[in-house]
Amino acid sequence: MIKRAIADLPVKERMSLVLRDLEGLTTEEVASIMNTRPATIRVQISSARAKIKRSCDRFLMRRARREEA
């Protein structure tokens, strides 16, 4: 579920999230690699996390409905 949600992210959001949260780089390091400002990376990561949360919420809601039936 999480892997699918990450794979479905736009490329820049996915790269920012993976480099920061999974690879452990600092925001500044990610910004340098992606040739952008740290503020942009923070926005991309925030957006990516929100999209992953929504994706997981939808999955869990569908699953709960199936179990109720």
N, C-alpha and C. Protein backbone atom coordinates (compact mmCIF):
# COMPACT_ATOMS: atom_id res chain seq x y z
N MET A 1 0.82 -1.19 0.00
CA MET A 1 0.00 0.00 0.00
C MET A 1 0.87 1.26 0.00
N ILE A 2 1.86 1.32 0.89
CA ILE A 2 2.72 2.50 0.97
C ILE A 2 3.59 2.60 -0.28
N LYS A 3 4.14 1.46 -0.72
CA LYS A 3 4.98 1.48 -1.93
C LYS A 3 4.19 1.99 -3.12
N ARG A 4 2.95 1.55 -3.24
CA ARG A 4 2.09 1.98 -4.35
C ARG A 4 1.83 3.48 -4.27
N ALA A 5 1.54 3.96 -3.06
CA ALA A 5 1.27 5.39 -2.87
C ALA A 5 2.49 6.22 -3.24
N ILE A 6 3.67 5.76 -2.86
CA ILE A 6 4.91 6.49 -3.21
C ILE A 6 5.13 6.46 -4.71
N ALA A 7 4.91 5.30 -5.33
CA ALA A 7 5.12 5.17 -6.77
C ALA A 7 4.17 6.07 -7.56
N ASP A 8 3.00 6.34 -7.02
CA ASP A 8 2.01 7.17 -7.71
C ASP A 8 2.27 8.67 -7.58
N LEU A 9 3.23 9.07 -6.76
CA LEU A 9 3.53 10.50 -6.57
C LEU A 9 4.15 11.09 -7.84
N PRO A 10 3.97 12.40 -8.04
CA PRO A 10 4.72 13.08 -9.11
C PRO A 10 6.22 12.92 -8.85
N VAL A 11 7.00 12.90 -9.91
CA VAL A 11 8.43 12.58 -9.82
C VAL A 11 9.17 13.45 -8.80
N LYS A 12 9.00 14.74 -8.85
CA LYS A 12 9.76 15.62 -7.94
C LYS A 12 9.37 15.39 -6.49
N GLU A 13 8.09 15.17 -6.24
CA GLU A 13 7.66 14.89 -4.87
C GLU A 13 8.22 13.55 -4.40
N ARG A 14 8.17 12.56 -5.28
CA ARG A 14 8.70 11.24 -4.92
C ARG A 14 10.19 11.31 -4.64
N MET A 15 10.94 11.99 -5.49
CA MET A 15 12.38 12.11 -5.29
C MET A 15 12.69 12.82 -3.98
N SER A 16 12.01 13.91 -3.71
CA SER A 16 12.24 14.67 -2.48
C SER A 16 11.96 13.81 -1.26
N LEU A 17 10.84 13.12 -1.27
CA LEU A 17 10.45 12.29 -0.14
C LEU A 17 11.43 11.14 0.07
N VAL A 18 11.78 10.45 -0.99
CA VAL A 18 12.69 9.30 -0.87
C VAL A 18 14.06 9.74 -0.37
N LEU A 19 14.60 10.79 -0.95
CA LEU A 19 15.92 11.25 -0.53
C LEU A 19 15.93 11.72 0.92
N ARG A 20 14.88 12.41 1.32
CA ARG A 20 14.82 12.97 2.68
C ARG A 20 14.45 11.92 3.71
N ASP A 21 13.32 11.26 3.49
CA ASP A 21 12.77 10.37 4.52
C ASP A 21 13.33 8.96 4.48
N LEU A 22 13.63 8.44 3.32
CA LEU A 22 14.11 7.06 3.23
C LEU A 22 15.63 6.97 3.17
N GLU A 23 16.26 7.90 2.48
CA GLU A 23 17.73 7.88 2.39
C GLU A 23 18.40 8.67 3.51
N GLY A 24 17.63 9.52 4.19
CA GLY A 24 18.15 10.22 5.35
C GLY A 24 18.96 11.48 5.07
N LEU A 25 18.86 12.00 3.85
CA LEU A 25 19.58 13.24 3.54
C LEU A 25 18.89 14.42 4.21
N THR A 26 19.63 15.49 4.41
CA THR A 26 19.04 16.71 4.95
C THR A 26 18.27 17.42 3.84
N THR A 27 17.41 18.31 4.25
CA THR A 27 16.65 19.10 3.28
C THR A 27 17.60 19.87 2.38
N GLU A 28 18.66 20.41 2.95
CA GLU A 28 19.63 21.18 2.17
C GLU A 28 20.36 20.28 1.15
N GLU A 29 20.68 19.06 1.55
CA GLU A 29 21.34 18.13 0.62
C GLU A 29 20.41 17.76 -0.54
N VAL A 30 19.15 17.52 -0.21
CA VAL A 30 18.17 17.19 -1.25
C VAL A 30 18.02 18.38 -2.20
N ALA A 31 17.94 19.57 -1.66
CA ALA A 31 17.80 20.77 -2.49
C ALA A 31 19.00 20.92 -3.43
N SER A 32 20.18 20.64 -2.93
CA SER A 32 21.39 20.73 -3.75
C SER A 32 21.35 19.71 -4.88
N ILE A 33 20.98 18.48 -4.56
CA ILE A 33 20.90 17.43 -5.58
C ILE A 33 19.86 17.78 -6.64
N MET A 34 18.74 18.32 -6.21
CA MET A 34 17.65 18.61 -7.14
C MET A 34 17.72 20.02 -7.72
N ASN A 35 18.79 20.74 -7.35
CA ASN A 35 19.03 22.08 -7.90
C ASN A 35 17.84 23.02 -7.66
N THR A 36 17.41 23.08 -6.41
CA THR A 36 16.31 23.95 -6.04
C THR A 36 16.52 24.44 -4.62
N ARG A 37 15.60 25.24 -4.13
CA ARG A 37 15.72 25.80 -2.79
C ARG A 37 15.18 24.84 -1.73
N PRO A 38 15.74 24.89 -0.53
CA PRO A 38 15.23 24.04 0.56
C PRO A 38 13.73 24.24 0.82
N ALA A 39 13.24 25.46 0.68
CA ALA A 39 11.81 25.72 0.89
C ALA A 39 10.97 24.93 -0.11
N THR A 40 11.44 24.81 -1.33
CA THR A 40 10.73 24.03 -2.35
C THR A 40 10.68 22.57 -1.96
N ILE A 41 11.78 22.06 -1.45
CA ILE A 41 11.84 20.66 -1.01
C ILE A 41 10.87 20.43 0.13
N ARG A 42 10.82 21.34 1.09
CA ARG A 42 9.89 21.20 2.22
C ARG A 42 8.44 21.15 1.73
N VAL A 43 8.10 21.99 0.76
CA VAL A 43 6.74 21.99 0.20
C VAL A 43 6.46 20.68 -0.51
N GLN A 44 7.41 20.20 -1.30
CA GLN A 44 7.21 18.95 -2.03
C GLN A 44 7.04 17.77 -1.07
N ILE A 45 7.83 17.74 -0.02
CA ILE A 45 7.73 16.65 0.96
C ILE A 45 6.39 16.72 1.69
N SER A 46 5.97 17.88 2.07
CA SER A 46 4.69 18.04 2.75
C SER A 46 3.55 17.57 1.85
N SER A 47 3.59 17.96 0.60
CA SER A 47 2.57 17.55 -0.36
C SER A 47 2.59 16.04 -0.55
N ALA A 48 3.77 15.46 -0.68
CA ALA A 48 3.90 14.02 -0.86
C ALA A 48 3.33 13.27 0.34
N ARG A 49 3.65 13.71 1.53
CA ARG A 49 3.15 13.05 2.74
C ARG A 49 1.63 13.12 2.81
N ALA A 50 1.06 14.27 2.45
CA ALA A 50 -0.40 14.43 2.46
C ALA A 50 -1.04 13.49 1.45
N LYS A 51 -0.45 13.37 0.28
CA LYS A 51 -1.01 12.48 -0.75
C LYS A 51 -0.92 11.02 -0.32
N ILE A 52 0.17 10.64 0.31
CA ILE A 52 0.31 9.27 0.80
C ILE A 52 -0.74 9.00 1.88
N LYS A 53 -0.94 9.95 2.77
CA LYS A 53 -1.94 9.78 3.83
C LYS A 53 -3.32 9.61 3.22
N ARG A 54 -3.68 10.45 2.25
CA ARG A 54 -4.99 10.32 1.60
C ARG A 54 -5.14 8.97 0.92
N SER A 55 -4.10 8.53 0.25
CA SER A 55 -4.13 7.23 -0.42
C SER A 55 -4.35 6.10 0.58
N CYS A 56 -3.65 6.14 1.68
CA CYS A 56 -3.80 5.11 2.72
C CYS A 56 -5.19 5.18 3.36
N ASP A 57 -5.67 6.38 3.60
CA ASP A 57 -7.02 6.55 4.17
C ASP A 57 -8.07 5.94 3.25
N ARG A 58 -7.97 6.20 1.94
CA ARG A 58 -8.92 5.64 0.98
C ARG A 58 -8.86 4.12 0.98
N PHE A 59 -7.65 3.58 1.00
CA PHE A 59 -7.48 2.13 1.02
C PHE A 59 -8.13 1.52 2.25
N LEU A 60 -7.88 2.11 3.41
CA LEU A 60 -8.43 1.57 4.65
C LEU A 60 -9.95 1.71 4.71
N MET A 61 -10.48 2.78 4.15
CA MET A 61 -11.94 2.95 4.12
C MET A 61 -12.58 1.89 3.23
N ARG A 62 -11.98 1.64 2.06
CA ARG A 62 -12.52 0.60 1.17
C ARG A 62 -12.46 -0.77 1.86
N ARG A 63 -11.37 -1.03 2.53
CA ARG A 63 -11.21 -2.31 3.22
C ARG A 63 -12.25 -2.47 4.33
N ALA A 64 -12.47 -1.41 5.08
CA ALA A 64 -13.45 -1.46 6.17
C ALA A 64 -14.86 -1.72 5.62
N ARG A 65 -15.20 -1.09 4.50
CA ARG A 65 -16.51 -1.29 3.89
C ARG A 65 -16.70 -2.74 3.47
N ARG A 66 -15.65 -3.33 2.90
CA ARG A 66 -15.73 -4.73 2.47
C ARG A 66 -15.94 -5.66 3.67
N GLU A 67 -15.27 -5.35 4.76
CA GLU A 67 -15.39 -6.19 5.95
C GLU A 67 -16.76 -6.08 6.60
N GLU A 68 -17.41 -4.92 6.44
CA GLU A 68 -18.76 -4.72 6.98
C GLU A 68 -19.79 -5.52 6.21
N ALA A 69 -19.54 -5.70 4.93
CA ALA A 69 -20.53 -6.37 4.05
C ALA A 69 -20.60 -7.86 4.27
